[in-house]
Amino acid sequence: MPQFSLTSTVLGTPDPGGLARFYQHLLGWDIGTDEPDWVTLRPADGSAGLSFQLEEQHTPPTWPAGADEQQMQLHLDIEVDDLEAAVAAAEAIGARQAGFQPQAGVRVMLDPAGHPFCLFAD
């Protein structure tokens, strides 16, 4: 069987550079490829990162989605050491808290393109 290696999760956005800079500030990762329609972020250890692809017709998912609304396809889970401080830091760079929060100890956030991500403290 061939060897497979996940290198990136790709998020569609009308602004690849802007969304990459958001996650660069949030995660502290370096920008690699930086083109108008494709930007990559990688952690220093070289493990799987995030990429951002131009999607001019991007429709943000609705959280939580109803029957006729854009469904969430994935979300990112991000562990933090201080949940409230992390929420404030994410909001300061352009995230917003989702209106529906399903559980204590986790904050569902929306990035500037509307992709959900969860902050949680272990």
PDB file of N, CA and C in Angstrom:
ATOM      1  N   MET A   1       0.844  -1.180   0.000  1.00  0.00           N
ATOM      2  CA  MET A   1       0.000   0.000   0.000  1.00  0.00           C
ATOM      3  C   MET A   1       0.888   1.241   0.000  1.00  0.00           C
ATOM      4  N   PRO A   2       0.546   2.266  -0.783  1.00  0.00           N
ATOM      5  CA  PRO A   2       1.347   3.502  -0.781  1.00  0.00           C
ATOM      6  C   PRO A   2       1.234   4.218   0.548  1.00  0.00           C
ATOM      7  N   GLN A   3       2.229   5.018   0.853  1.00  0.00           N
ATOM      8  CA  GLN A   3       2.227   5.818   2.081  1.00  0.00           C
ATOM      9  C   GLN A   3       1.482   7.122   1.829  1.00  0.00           C
ATOM     10  N   PHE A   4       0.617   7.496   2.741  1.00  0.00           N
ATOM     11  CA  PHE A   4      -0.142   8.739   2.652  1.00  0.00           C
ATOM     12  C   PHE A   4       0.275   9.649   3.794  1.00  0.00           C
ATOM     13  N   SER A   5       0.325  10.948   3.532  1.00  0.00           N
ATOM     14  CA  SER A   5       0.700  11.913   4.550  1.00  0.00           C
ATOM     15  C   SER A   5      -0.139  13.175   4.372  1.00  0.00           C
ATOM     16  N   LEU A   6      -0.963  13.482   5.352  1.00  0.00           N
ATOM     17  CA  LEU A   6      -1.770  14.695   5.311  1.00  0.00           C
ATOM     18  C   LEU A   6      -0.851  15.896   5.494  1.00  0.00           C
ATOM     19  N   THR A   7      -0.908  16.847   4.570  1.00  0.00           N
ATOM     20  CA  THR A   7      -0.054  18.023   4.665  1.00  0.00           C
ATOM     21  C   THR A   7      -0.808  19.289   5.044  1.00  0.00           C
ATOM     22  N   SER A   8      -2.124  19.314   4.767  1.00  0.00           N
ATOM     23  CA  SER A   8      -2.832  20.560   4.997  1.00  0.00           C
ATOM     24  C   SER A   8      -4.340  20.343   4.995  1.00  0.00           C
ATOM     25  N   THR A   9      -5.021  21.191   5.725  1.00  0.00           N
ATOM     26  CA  THR A   9      -6.463  21.357   5.608  1.00  0.00           C
ATOM     27  C   THR A   9      -6.662  22.662   4.849  1.00  0.00           C
ATOM     28  N   VAL A  10      -7.521  22.638   3.843  1.00  0.00           N
ATOM     29  CA  VAL A  10      -7.699  23.799   2.960  1.00  0.00           C
ATOM     30  C   VAL A  10      -9.045  24.455   3.242  1.00  0.00           C
ATOM     31  N   LEU A  11      -9.020  25.762   3.458  1.00  0.00           N
ATOM     32  CA  LEU A  11     -10.230  26.538   3.661  1.00  0.00           C
ATOM     33  C   LEU A  11     -10.444  27.462   2.474  1.00  0.00           C
ATOM     34  N   GLY A  12     -11.646  27.450   1.928  1.00  0.00           N
ATOM     35  CA  GLY A  12     -12.002  28.367   0.856  1.00  0.00           C
ATOM     36  C   GLY A  12     -12.380  29.719   1.429  1.00  0.00           C
ATOM     37  N   THR A  13     -12.013  30.779   0.708  1.00  0.00           N
ATOM     38  CA  THR A  13     -12.260  32.139   1.195  1.00  0.00           C
ATOM     39  C   THR A  13     -12.161  33.131   0.038  1.00  0.00           C
ATOM     40  N   PRO A  14     -12.894  34.218   0.098  1.00  0.00           N
ATOM     41  CA  PRO A  14     -12.722  35.254  -0.916  1.00  0.00           C
ATOM     42  C   PRO A  14     -11.430  36.054  -0.732  1.00  0.00           C
ATOM     43  N   ASP A  15     -10.738  35.875   0.403  1.00  0.00           N
ATOM     44  CA  ASP A  15      -9.512  36.619   0.708  1.00  0.00           C
ATOM     45  C   ASP A  15      -8.465  35.678   1.318  1.00  0.00           C
ATOM     46  N   PRO A  16      -7.769  34.875   0.486  1.00  0.00           N
ATOM     47  CA  PRO A  16      -6.796  33.922   1.027  1.00  0.00           C
ATOM     48  C   PRO A  16      -5.712  34.567   1.893  1.00  0.00           C
ATOM     49  N   GLY A  17      -5.172  35.683   1.463  1.00  0.00           N
ATOM     50  CA  GLY A  17      -4.121  36.346   2.233  1.00  0.00           C
ATOM     51  C   GLY A  17      -4.623  36.851   3.570  1.00  0.00           C
ATOM     52  N   GLY A  18      -5.792  37.444   3.583  1.00  0.00           N
ATOM     53  CA  GLY A  18      -6.352  37.965   4.825  1.00  0.00           C
ATOM     54  C   GLY A  18      -6.662  36.867   5.821  1.00  0.00           C
ATOM     55  N   LEU A  19      -7.257  35.766   5.335  1.00  0.00           N
ATOM     56  CA  LEU A  19      -7.583  34.678   6.247  1.00  0.00           C
ATOM     57  C   LEU A  19      -6.313  33.982   6.726  1.00  0.00           C
ATOM     58  N   ALA A  20      -5.303  33.877   5.858  1.00  0.00           N
ATOM     59  CA  ALA A  20      -4.019  33.299   6.276  1.00  0.00           C
ATOM     60  C   ALA A  20      -3.382  34.150   7.373  1.00  0.00           C
ATOM     61  N   ARG A  21      -3.431  35.467   7.238  1.00  0.00           N
ATOM     62  CA  ARG A  21      -2.852  36.338   8.265  1.00  0.00           C
ATOM     63  C   ARG A  21      -3.615  36.215   9.585  1.00  0.00           C
ATOM     64  N   PHE A  22      -4.943  36.036   9.514  1.00  0.00           N
ATOM     65  CA  PHE A  22      -5.725  35.807  10.730  1.00  0.00           C
ATOM     66  C   PHE A  22      -5.195  34.577  11.464  1.00  0.00           C
ATOM     67  N   TYR A  23      -5.091  33.454  10.760  1.00  0.00           N
ATOM     68  CA  TYR A  23      -4.621  32.224  11.406  1.00  0.00           C
ATOM     69  C   TYR A  23      -3.136  32.297  11.750  1.00  0.00           C
ATOM     70  N   GLN A  24      -2.357  33.055  11.002  1.00  0.00           N
ATOM     71  CA  GLN A  24      -0.949  33.255  11.354  1.00  0.00           C
ATOM     72  C   GLN A  24      -0.856  33.908  12.735  1.00  0.00           C
ATOM     73  N   HIS A  25      -1.658  34.943  12.967  1.00  0.00           N
ATOM     74  CA  HIS A  25      -1.659  35.617  14.273  1.00  0.00           C
ATOM     75  C   HIS A  25      -2.215  34.707  15.359  1.00  0.00           C
ATOM     76  N   LEU A  26      -3.261  33.951  15.032  1.00  0.00           N
ATOM     77  CA  LEU A  26      -3.890  33.089  16.025  1.00  0.00           C
ATOM     78  C   LEU A  26      -2.962  31.953  16.450  1.00  0.00           C
ATOM     79  N   LEU A  27      -2.301  31.314  15.473  1.00  0.00           N
ATOM     80  CA  LEU A  27      -1.518  30.116  15.752  1.00  0.00           C
ATOM     81  C   LEU A  27      -0.012  30.347  15.858  1.00  0.00           C
ATOM     82  N   GLY A  28       0.458  31.492  15.364  1.00  0.00           N
ATOM     83  CA  GLY A  28       1.891  31.764  15.403  1.00  0.00           C
ATOM     84  C   GLY A  28       2.688  31.001  14.361  1.00  0.00           C
ATOM     85  N   TRP A  29       2.036  30.540  13.307  1.00  0.00           N
ATOM     86  CA  TRP A  29       2.710  29.783  12.248  1.00  0.00           C
ATOM     87  C   TRP A  29       3.209  30.733  11.167  1.00  0.00           C
ATOM     88  N   ASP A  30       4.163  30.239  10.372  1.00  0.00           N
ATOM     89  CA  ASP A  30       4.738  31.037   9.293  1.00  0.00           C
ATOM     90  C   ASP A  30       3.993  30.831   7.976  1.00  0.00           C
ATOM     91  N   ILE A  31       3.887  31.905   7.224  1.00  0.00           N
ATOM     92  CA  ILE A  31       3.341  31.817   5.871  1.00  0.00           C
ATOM     93  C   ILE A  31       4.413  31.229   4.970  1.00  0.00           C
ATOM     94  N   GLY A  32       4.001  30.256   4.158  1.00  0.00           N
ATOM     95  CA  GLY A  32       4.906  29.646   3.179  1.00  0.00           C
ATOM     96  C   GLY A  32       4.600  30.234   1.816  1.00  0.00           C
ATOM     97  N   THR A  33       3.852  29.506   1.037  1.00  0.00           N
ATOM     98  CA  THR A  33       3.402  30.000  -0.268  1.00  0.00           C
ATOM     99  C   THR A  33       2.470  31.169  -0.051  1.00  0.00           C
ATOM    100  N   ASP A  34       2.665  32.243  -0.830  1.00  0.00           N
ATOM    101  CA  ASP A  34       1.821  33.428  -0.697  1.00  0.00           C
ATOM    102  C   ASP A  34       1.523  33.964  -2.087  1.00  0.00           C
ATOM    103  N   GLU A  35       0.462  33.461  -2.668  1.00  0.00           N
ATOM    104  CA  GLU A  35       0.010  33.882  -3.998  1.00  0.00           C
ATOM    105  C   GLU A  35      -1.403  34.444  -3.862  1.00  0.00           C
ATOM    106  N   PRO A  36      -1.881  35.210  -4.826  1.00  0.00           N
ATOM    107  CA  PRO A  36      -3.211  35.814  -4.702  1.00  0.00           C
ATOM    108  C   PRO A  36      -4.339  34.798  -4.483  1.00  0.00           C
ATOM    109  N   ASP A  37      -4.209  33.593  -5.040  1.00  0.00           N
ATOM    110  CA  ASP A  37      -5.290  32.624  -4.921  1.00  0.00           C
ATOM    111  C   ASP A  37      -4.935  31.399  -4.074  1.00  0.00           C
ATOM    112  N   TRP A  38      -3.747  31.393  -3.443  1.00  0.00           N
ATOM    113  CA  TRP A  38      -3.317  30.235  -2.644  1.00  0.00           C
ATOM    114  C   TRP A  38      -2.259  30.674  -1.641  1.00  0.00           C
ATOM    115  N   VAL A  39      -2.538  30.474  -0.354  1.00  0.00           N
ATOM    116  CA  VAL A  39      -1.600  30.826   0.705  1.00  0.00           C
ATOM    117  C   VAL A  39      -1.523  29.639   1.662  1.00  0.00           C
ATOM    118  N   THR A  40      -0.311  29.335   2.134  1.00  0.00           N
ATOM    119  CA  THR A  40      -0.136  28.224   3.071  1.00  0.00           C
ATOM    120  C   THR A  40       0.470  28.706   4.379  1.00  0.00           C
ATOM    121  N   LEU A  41       0.112  28.024   5.450  1.00  0.00           N
ATOM    122  CA  LEU A  41       0.690  28.229   6.776  1.00  0.00           C
ATOM    123  C   LEU A  41       1.200  26.887   7.258  1.00  0.00           C
ATOM    124  N   ARG A  42       2.374  26.890   7.882  1.00  0.00           N
ATOM    125  CA  ARG A  42       2.931  25.655   8.423  1.00  0.00           C
ATOM    126  C   ARG A  42       3.505  25.922   9.811  1.00  0.00           C
ATOM    127  N   PRO A  43       3.296  24.966  10.724  1.00  0.00           N
ATOM    128  CA  PRO A  43       3.944  25.090  12.022  1.00  0.00           C
ATOM    129  C   PRO A  43       5.446  24.848  11.890  1.00  0.00           C
ATOM    130  N   ALA A  44       6.201  25.324  12.851  1.00  0.00           N
ATOM    131  CA  ALA A  44       7.668  25.228  12.801  1.00  0.00           C
ATOM    132  C   ALA A  44       8.163  23.789  12.731  1.00  0.00           C
ATOM    133  N   ASP A  45       7.401  22.849  13.287  1.00  0.00           N
ATOM    134  CA  ASP A  45       7.851  21.454  13.274  1.00  0.00           C
ATOM    135  C   ASP A  45       7.605  20.750  11.944  1.00  0.00           C
ATOM    136  N   GLY A  46       7.014  21.459  10.983  1.00  0.00           N
ATOM    137  CA  GLY A  46       6.800  20.890   9.658  1.00  0.00           C
ATOM    138  C   GLY A  46       5.599  19.975   9.542  1.00  0.00           C
ATOM    139  N   SER A  47       4.814  19.855  10.593  1.00  0.00           N
ATOM    140  CA  SER A  47       3.633  18.990  10.527  1.00  0.00           C
ATOM    141  C   SER A  47       2.539  19.652   9.691  1.00  0.00           C
ATOM    142  N   ALA A  48       1.410  18.966   9.559  1.00  0.00           N
ATOM    143  CA  ALA A  48       0.310  19.453   8.724  1.00  0.00           C
ATOM    144  C   ALA A  48      -0.103  20.861   9.129  1.00  0.00           C
ATOM    145  N   GLY A  49      -0.389  21.665   8.125  1.00  0.00           N
ATOM    146  CA  GLY A  49      -0.763  23.048   8.362  1.00  0.00           C
ATOM    147  C   GLY A  49      -2.117  23.380   7.779  1.00  0.00           C
ATOM    148  N   LEU A  50      -2.296  24.630   7.468  1.00  0.00           N
ATOM    149  CA  LEU A  50      -3.519  25.135   6.856  1.00  0.00           C
ATOM    150  C   LEU A  50      -3.172  25.815   5.541  1.00  0.00           C
ATOM    151  N   SER A  51      -4.084  25.697   4.582  1.00  0.00           N
ATOM    152  CA  SER A  51      -3.946  26.412   3.313  1.00  0.00           C
ATOM    153  C   SER A  51      -5.252  27.136   3.043  1.00  0.00           C
ATOM    154  N   PHE A  52      -5.156  28.187   2.245  1.00  0.00           N
ATOM    155  CA  PHE A  52      -6.299  29.044   1.979  1.00  0.00           C
ATOM    156  C   PHE A  52      -6.399  29.246   0.477  1.00  0.00           C
ATOM    157  N   GLN A  53      -7.537  28.865  -0.063  1.00  0.00           N
ATOM    158  CA  GLN A  53      -7.751  28.875  -1.514  1.00  0.00           C
ATOM    159  C   GLN A  53      -8.807  29.913  -1.853  1.00  0.00           C
ATOM    160  N   LEU A  54      -8.571  30.648  -2.924  1.00  0.00           N
ATOM    161  CA  LEU A  54      -9.536  31.640  -3.376  1.00  0.00           C
ATOM    162  C   LEU A  54     -10.827  30.952  -3.816  1.00  0.00           C
ATOM    163  N   GLU A  55     -11.903  31.353  -3.201  1.00  0.00           N
ATOM    164  CA  GLU A  55     -13.256  30.926  -3.576  1.00  0.00           C
ATOM    165  C   GLU A  55     -14.087  32.193  -3.669  1.00  0.00           C
ATOM    166  N   GLU A  56     -14.187  32.736  -4.878  1.00  0.00           N
ATOM    167  CA  GLU A  56     -14.888  34.005  -5.036  1.00  0.00           C
ATOM    168  C   GLU A  56     -16.363  33.919  -4.662  1.00  0.00           C
ATOM    169  N   GLN A  57     -16.972  32.765  -4.795  1.00  0.00           N
ATOM    170  CA  GLN A  57     -18.390  32.587  -4.470  1.00  0.00           C
ATOM    171  C   GLN A  57     -18.591  31.913  -3.106  1.00  0.00           C
ATOM    172  N   HIS A  58     -17.606  32.063  -2.217  1.00  0.00           N
ATOM    173  CA  HIS A  58     -17.671  31.431  -0.892  1.00  0.00           C
ATOM    174  C   HIS A  58     -18.950  31.825  -0.151  1.00  0.00           C
ATOM    175  N   THR A  59     -19.642  30.822   0.365  1.00  0.00           N
ATOM    176  CA  THR A  59     -20.805  31.041   1.216  1.00  0.00           C
ATOM    177  C   THR A  59     -20.472  30.486   2.595  1.00  0.00           C
ATOM    178  N   PRO A  60     -20.368  31.332   3.597  1.00  0.00           N
ATOM    179  CA  PRO A  60     -20.033  30.834   4.934  1.00  0.00           C
ATOM    180  C   PRO A  60     -21.096  29.867   5.434  1.00  0.00           C
ATOM    181  N   PRO A  61     -20.679  28.845   6.177  1.00  0.00           N
ATOM    182  CA  PRO A  61     -21.669  27.938   6.754  1.00  0.00           C
ATOM    183  C   PRO A  61     -22.461  28.631   7.852  1.00  0.00           C
ATOM    184  N   THR A  62     -23.628  28.105   8.118  1.00  0.00           N
ATOM    185  CA  THR A  62     -24.457  28.596   9.216  1.00  0.00           C
ATOM    186  C   THR A  62     -24.250  27.677  10.408  1.00  0.00           C
ATOM    187  N   TRP A  63     -24.019  28.260  11.585  1.00  0.00           N
ATOM    188  CA  TRP A  63     -23.820  27.447  12.791  1.00  0.00           C
ATOM    189  C   TRP A  63     -24.844  27.825  13.840  1.00  0.00           C
ATOM    190  N   PRO A  64     -25.638  26.866  14.317  1.00  0.00           N
ATOM    191  CA  PRO A  64     -25.857  25.553  13.700  1.00  0.00           C
ATOM    192  C   PRO A  64     -26.760  25.706  12.478  1.00  0.00           C
ATOM    193  N   ALA A  65     -26.580  24.858  11.519  1.00  0.00           N
ATOM    194  CA  ALA A  65     -27.312  24.967  10.248  1.00  0.00           C
ATOM    195  C   ALA A  65     -28.716  24.390  10.354  1.00  0.00           C
ATOM    196  N   GLY A  66     -29.629  25.056   9.668  1.00  0.00           N
ATOM    197  CA  GLY A  66     -30.982  24.537   9.510  1.00  0.00           C
ATOM    198  C   GLY A  66     -31.067  23.734   8.221  1.00  0.00           C
ATOM    199  N   ALA A  67     -32.222  23.213   7.933  1.00  0.00           N
ATOM    200  CA  ALA A  67     -32.409  22.302   6.796  1.00  0.00           C
ATOM    201  C   ALA A  67     -32.016  22.922   5.451  1.00  0.00           C
ATOM    202  N   ASP A  68     -32.292  24.180   5.232  1.00  0.00           N
ATOM    203  CA  ASP A  68     -32.028  24.800   3.930  1.00  0.00           C
ATOM    204  C   ASP A  68     -30.877  25.795   3.977  1.00  0.00           C
ATOM    205  N   GLU A  69     -29.968  25.619   4.923  1.00  0.00           N
ATOM    206  CA  GLU A  69     -28.846  26.540   5.066  1.00  0.00           C
ATOM    207  C   GLU A  69     -27.534  25.838   4.722  1.00  0.00           C
ATOM    208  N   GLN A  70     -26.515  26.636   4.418  1.00  0.00           N
ATOM    209  CA  GLN A  70     -25.197  26.087   4.108  1.00  0.00           C
ATOM    210  C   GLN A  70     -24.692  25.280   5.297  1.00  0.00           C
ATOM    211  N   GLN A  71     -24.420  24.006   5.071  1.00  0.00           N
ATOM    212  CA  GLN A  71     -23.956  23.113   6.131  1.00  0.00           C
ATOM    213  C   GLN A  71     -22.461  23.294   6.368  1.00  0.00           C
ATOM    214  N   MET A  72     -22.049  23.126   7.622  1.00  0.00           N
ATOM    215  CA  MET A  72     -20.637  23.128   7.965  1.00  0.00           C
ATOM    216  C   MET A  72     -20.037  21.825   7.443  1.00  0.00           C
ATOM    217  N   GLN A  73     -18.905  21.901   6.762  1.00  0.00           N
ATOM    218  CA  GLN A  73     -18.235  20.710   6.254  1.00  0.00           C
ATOM    219  C   GLN A  73     -17.161  20.221   7.214  1.00  0.00           C
ATOM    220  N   LEU A  74     -16.569  21.129   7.948  1.00  0.00           N
ATOM    221  CA  LEU A  74     -15.550  20.786   8.936  1.00  0.00           C
ATOM    222  C   LEU A  74     -15.386  21.973   9.860  1.00  0.00           C
ATOM    223  N   HIS A  75     -14.690  21.728  10.960  1.00  0.00           N
ATOM    224  CA  HIS A  75     -14.288  22.831  11.820  1.00  0.00           C
ATOM    225  C   HIS A  75     -12.938  22.475  12.421  1.00  0.00           C
ATOM    226  N   LEU A  76     -12.247  23.470  12.910  1.00  0.00           N
ATOM    227  CA  LEU A  76     -10.943  23.282  13.520  1.00  0.00           C
ATOM    228  C   LEU A  76     -11.092  23.291  15.035  1.00  0.00           C
ATOM    229  N   ASP A  77     -10.430  22.368  15.721  1.00  0.00           N
ATOM    230  CA  ASP A  77     -10.369  22.355  17.182  1.00  0.00           C
ATOM    231  C   ASP A  77      -8.996  22.869  17.596  1.00  0.00           C
ATOM    232  N   ILE A  78      -8.983  23.902  18.423  1.00  0.00           N
ATOM    233  CA  ILE A  78      -7.734  24.529  18.841  1.00  0.00           C
ATOM    234  C   ILE A  78      -7.677  24.564  20.356  1.00  0.00           C
ATOM    235  N   GLU A  79      -6.698  23.852  20.913  1.00  0.00           N
ATOM    236  CA  GLU A  79      -6.525  23.825  22.358  1.00  0.00           C
ATOM    237  C   GLU A  79      -5.793  25.076  22.818  1.00  0.00           C
ATOM    238  N   VAL A  80      -6.249  25.634  23.927  1.00  0.00           N
ATOM    239  CA  VAL A  80      -5.646  26.843  24.496  1.00  0.00           C
ATOM    240  C   VAL A  80      -5.398  26.633  25.981  1.00  0.00           C
ATOM    241  N   ASP A  81      -4.533  27.444  26.569  1.00  0.00           N
ATOM    242  CA  ASP A  81      -4.258  27.304  28.000  1.00  0.00           C
ATOM    243  C   ASP A  81      -5.180  28.163  28.859  1.00  0.00           C
ATOM    244  N   ASP A  82      -5.796  29.184  28.282  1.00  0.00           N
ATOM    245  CA  ASP A  82      -6.692  30.082  29.020  1.00  0.00           C
ATOM    246  C   ASP A  82      -7.829  30.442  28.068  1.00  0.00           C
ATOM    247  N   LEU A  83      -8.990  29.833  28.271  1.00  0.00           N
ATOM    248  CA  LEU A  83     -10.093  29.977  27.323  1.00  0.00           C
ATOM    249  C   LEU A  83     -10.556  31.422  27.164  1.00  0.00           C
ATOM    250  N   GLU A  84     -10.804  32.103  28.245  1.00  0.00           N
ATOM    251  CA  GLU A  84     -11.325  33.474  28.132  1.00  0.00           C
ATOM    252  C   GLU A  84     -10.307  34.412  27.479  1.00  0.00           C
ATOM    253  N   ALA A  85      -9.034  34.275  27.821  1.00  0.00           N
ATOM    254  CA  ALA A  85      -8.001  35.097  27.189  1.00  0.00           C
ATOM    255  C   ALA A  85      -7.878  34.769  25.711  1.00  0.00           C
ATOM    256  N   ALA A  86      -8.017  33.498  25.362  1.00  0.00           N
ATOM    257  CA  ALA A  86      -7.930  33.090  23.956  1.00  0.00           C
ATOM    258  C   ALA A  86      -9.104  33.637  23.158  1.00  0.00           C
ATOM    259  N   VAL A  87     -10.299  33.606  23.740  1.00  0.00           N
ATOM    260  CA  VAL A  87     -11.470  34.179  23.062  1.00  0.00           C
ATOM    261  C   VAL A  87     -11.237  35.668  22.802  1.00  0.00           C
ATOM    262  N   ALA A  88     -10.775  36.389  23.804  1.00  0.00           N
ATOM    263  CA  ALA A  88     -10.519  37.825  23.653  1.00  0.00           C
ATOM    264  C   ALA A  88      -9.454  38.079  22.586  1.00  0.00           C
ATOM    265  N   ALA A  89      -8.393  37.282  22.572  1.00  0.00           N
ATOM    266  CA  ALA A  89      -7.331  37.459  21.576  1.00  0.00           C
ATOM    267  C   ALA A  89      -7.852  37.164  20.167  1.00  0.00           C
ATOM    268  N   ALA A  90      -8.671  36.131  20.024  1.00  0.00           N
ATOM    269  CA  ALA A  90      -9.234  35.800  18.708  1.00  0.00           C
ATOM    270  C   ALA A  90     -10.170  36.905  18.234  1.00  0.00           C
ATOM    271  N   GLU A  91     -10.980  37.431  19.142  1.00  0.00           N
ATOM    272  CA  GLU A  91     -11.885  38.520  18.769  1.00  0.00           C
ATOM    273  C   GLU A  91     -11.099  39.765  18.368  1.00  0.00           C
ATOM    274  N   ALA A  92      -9.982  40.018  19.020  1.00  0.00           N
ATOM    275  CA  ALA A  92      -9.177  41.211  18.725  1.00  0.00           C
ATOM    276  C   ALA A  92      -8.601  41.190  17.312  1.00  0.00           C
ATOM    277  N   ILE A  93      -8.451  39.986  16.716  1.00  0.00           N
ATOM    278  CA  ILE A  93      -7.904  39.907  15.353  1.00  0.00           C
ATOM    279  C   ILE A  93      -8.969  39.569  14.308  1.00  0.00           C
ATOM    280  N   GLY A  94     -10.253  39.602  14.705  1.00  0.00           N
ATOM    281  CA  GLY A  94     -11.308  39.489  13.709  1.00  0.00           C
ATOM    282  C   GLY A  94     -12.272  38.328  13.846  1.00  0.00           C
ATOM    283  N   ALA A  95     -12.101  37.451  14.826  1.00  0.00           N
ATOM    284  CA  ALA A  95     -13.060  36.366  15.034  1.00  0.00           C
ATOM    285  C   ALA A  95     -14.264  36.896  15.797  1.00  0.00           C
ATOM    286  N   ARG A  96     -15.329  36.122  15.758  1.00  0.00           N
ATOM    287  CA  ARG A  96     -16.485  36.452  16.582  1.00  0.00           C
ATOM    288  C   ARG A  96     -17.052  35.158  17.167  1.00  0.00           C
ATOM    289  N   GLN A  97     -17.663  35.271  18.313  1.00  0.00           N
ATOM    290  CA  GLN A  97     -18.284  34.105  18.923  1.00  0.00           C
ATOM    291  C   GLN A  97     -19.577  33.782  18.194  1.00  0.00           C
ATOM    292  N   ALA A  98     -19.810  32.483  17.975  1.00  0.00           N
ATOM    293  CA  ALA A  98     -21.065  32.047  17.382  1.00  0.00           C
ATOM    294  C   ALA A  98     -22.191  32.294  18.377  1.00  0.00           C
ATOM    295  N   GLY A  99     -23.368  32.516  17.864  1.00  0.00           N
ATOM    296  CA  GLY A  99     -24.518  32.765  18.727  1.00  0.00           C
ATOM    297  C   GLY A  99     -24.908  31.551  19.551  1.00  0.00           C
ATOM    298  N   PHE A 100     -24.663  30.367  19.036  1.00  0.00           N
ATOM    299  CA  PHE A 100     -25.009  29.130  19.739  1.00  0.00           C
ATOM    300  C   PHE A 100     -23.742  28.495  20.283  1.00  0.00           C
ATOM    301  N   GLN A 101     -23.716  28.265  21.578  1.00  0.00           N
ATOM    302  CA  GLN A 101     -22.584  27.635  22.263  1.00  0.00           C
ATOM    303  C   GLN A 101     -23.094  26.340  22.899  1.00  0.00           C
ATOM    304  N   PRO A 102     -22.727  25.183  22.347  1.00  0.00           N
ATOM    305  CA  PRO A 102     -23.346  23.928  22.777  1.00  0.00           C
ATOM    306  C   PRO A 102     -22.846  23.337  24.085  1.00  0.00           C
ATOM    307  N   GLN A 103     -21.703  23.785  24.592  1.00  0.00           N
ATOM    308  CA  GLN A 103     -21.198  23.169  25.819  1.00  0.00           C
ATOM    309  C   GLN A 103     -20.272  24.115  26.572  1.00  0.00           C
ATOM    310  N   ALA A 104     -20.212  23.911  27.879  1.00  0.00           N
ATOM    311  CA  ALA A 104     -19.301  24.689  28.714  1.00  0.00           C
ATOM    312  C   ALA A 104     -17.872  24.231  28.438  1.00  0.00           C
ATOM    313  N   GLY A 105     -16.932  25.128  28.584  1.00  0.00           N
ATOM    314  CA  GLY A 105     -15.529  24.782  28.398  1.00  0.00           C
ATOM    315  C   GLY A 105     -15.074  24.799  26.957  1.00  0.00           C
ATOM    316  N   VAL A 106     -15.974  25.130  26.031  1.00  0.00           N
ATOM    317  CA  VAL A 106     -15.653  25.231  24.605  1.00  0.00           C
ATOM    318  C   VAL A 106     -16.329  26.491  24.083  1.00  0.00           C
ATOM    319  N   ARG A 107     -15.621  27.240  23.258  1.00  0.00           N
ATOM    320  CA  ARG A 107     -16.223  28.396  22.594  1.00  0.00           C
ATOM    321  C   ARG A 107     -16.172  28.167  21.093  1.00  0.00           C
ATOM    322  N   VAL A 108     -17.351  28.155  20.477  1.00  0.00           N
ATOM    323  CA  VAL A 108     -17.422  28.087  19.021  1.00  0.00           C
ATOM    324  C   VAL A 108     -17.222  29.501  18.509  1.00  0.00           C
ATOM    325  N   MET A 109     -16.199  29.648  17.670  1.00  0.00           N
ATOM    326  CA  MET A 109     -15.842  30.935  17.105  1.00  0.00           C
ATOM    327  C   MET A 109     -16.025  30.873  15.594  1.00  0.00           C
ATOM    328  N   LEU A 110     -16.149  32.017  14.968  1.00  0.00           N
ATOM    329  CA  LEU A 110     -16.214  32.121  13.513  1.00  0.00           C
ATOM    330  C   LEU A 110     -15.074  32.999  13.051  1.00  0.00           C
ATOM    331  N   ASP A 111     -14.290  32.508  12.094  1.00  0.00           N
ATOM    332  CA  ASP A 111     -13.175  33.300  11.579  1.00  0.00           C
ATOM    333  C   ASP A 111     -13.712  34.385  10.648  1.00  0.00           C
ATOM    334  N   PRO A 112     -12.883  35.272  10.125  1.00  0.00           N
ATOM    335  CA  PRO A 112     -13.375  36.363   9.284  1.00  0.00           C
ATOM    336  C   PRO A 112     -14.139  35.920   8.026  1.00  0.00           C
ATOM    337  N   ALA A 113     -13.907  34.690   7.550  1.00  0.00           N
ATOM    338  CA  ALA A 113     -14.648  34.178   6.386  1.00  0.00           C
ATOM    339  C   ALA A 113     -15.872  33.374   6.815  1.00  0.00           C
ATOM    340  N   GLY A 114     -16.100  33.258   8.122  1.00  0.00           N
ATOM    341  CA  GLY A 114     -17.270  32.550   8.620  1.00  0.00           C
ATOM    342  C   GLY A 114     -17.059  31.079   8.922  1.00  0.00           C
ATOM    343  N   HIS A 115     -15.837  30.565   8.767  1.00  0.00           N
ATOM    344  CA  HIS A 115     -15.555  29.171   9.108  1.00  0.00           C
ATOM    345  C   HIS A 115     -15.568  29.005  10.623  1.00  0.00           C
ATOM    346  N   PRO A 116     -16.278  27.992  11.136  1.00  0.00           N
ATOM    347  CA  PRO A 116     -16.257  27.774  12.575  1.00  0.00           C
ATOM    348  C   PRO A 116     -14.964  27.119  13.041  1.00  0.00           C
ATOM    349  N   PHE A 117     -14.544  27.498  14.223  1.00  0.00           N
ATOM    350  CA  PHE A 117     -13.457  26.800  14.903  1.00  0.00           C
ATOM    351  C   PHE A 117     -13.756  26.826  16.393  1.00  0.00           C
ATOM    352  N   CYS A 118     -13.302  25.814  17.100  1.00  0.00           N
ATOM    353  CA  CYS A 118     -13.582  25.707  18.528  1.00  0.00           C
ATOM    354  C   CYS A 118     -12.313  25.936  19.320  1.00  0.00           C
ATOM    355  N   LEU A 119     -12.424  26.761  20.336  1.00  0.00           N
ATOM    356  CA  LEU A 119     -11.350  26.947  21.311  1.00  0.00           C
ATOM    357  C   LEU A 119     -11.750  26.171  22.550  1.00  0.00           C
ATOM    358  N   PHE A 120     -10.811  25.422  23.099  1.00  0.00           N
ATOM    359  CA  PHE A 120     -11.081  24.681  24.319  1.00  0.00           C
ATOM    360  C   PHE A 120      -9.831  24.598  25.165  1.00  0.00           C
ATOM    361  N   ALA A 121     -10.024  24.551  26.481  1.00  0.00           N
ATOM    362  CA  ALA A 121      -8.908  24.391  27.412  1.00  0.00           C
ATOM    363  C   ALA A 121      -8.979  22.981  27.968  1.00  0.00           C
ATOM    364  N   ASP A 122      -7.845  22.316  27.959  1.00  0.00           N
ATOM    365  CA  ASP A 122      -7.809  20.938  28.445  1.00  0.00           C
ATOM    366  C   ASP A 122      -7.590  20.900  29.927  1.00  0.00           C
TER     367      ASP A 122
END
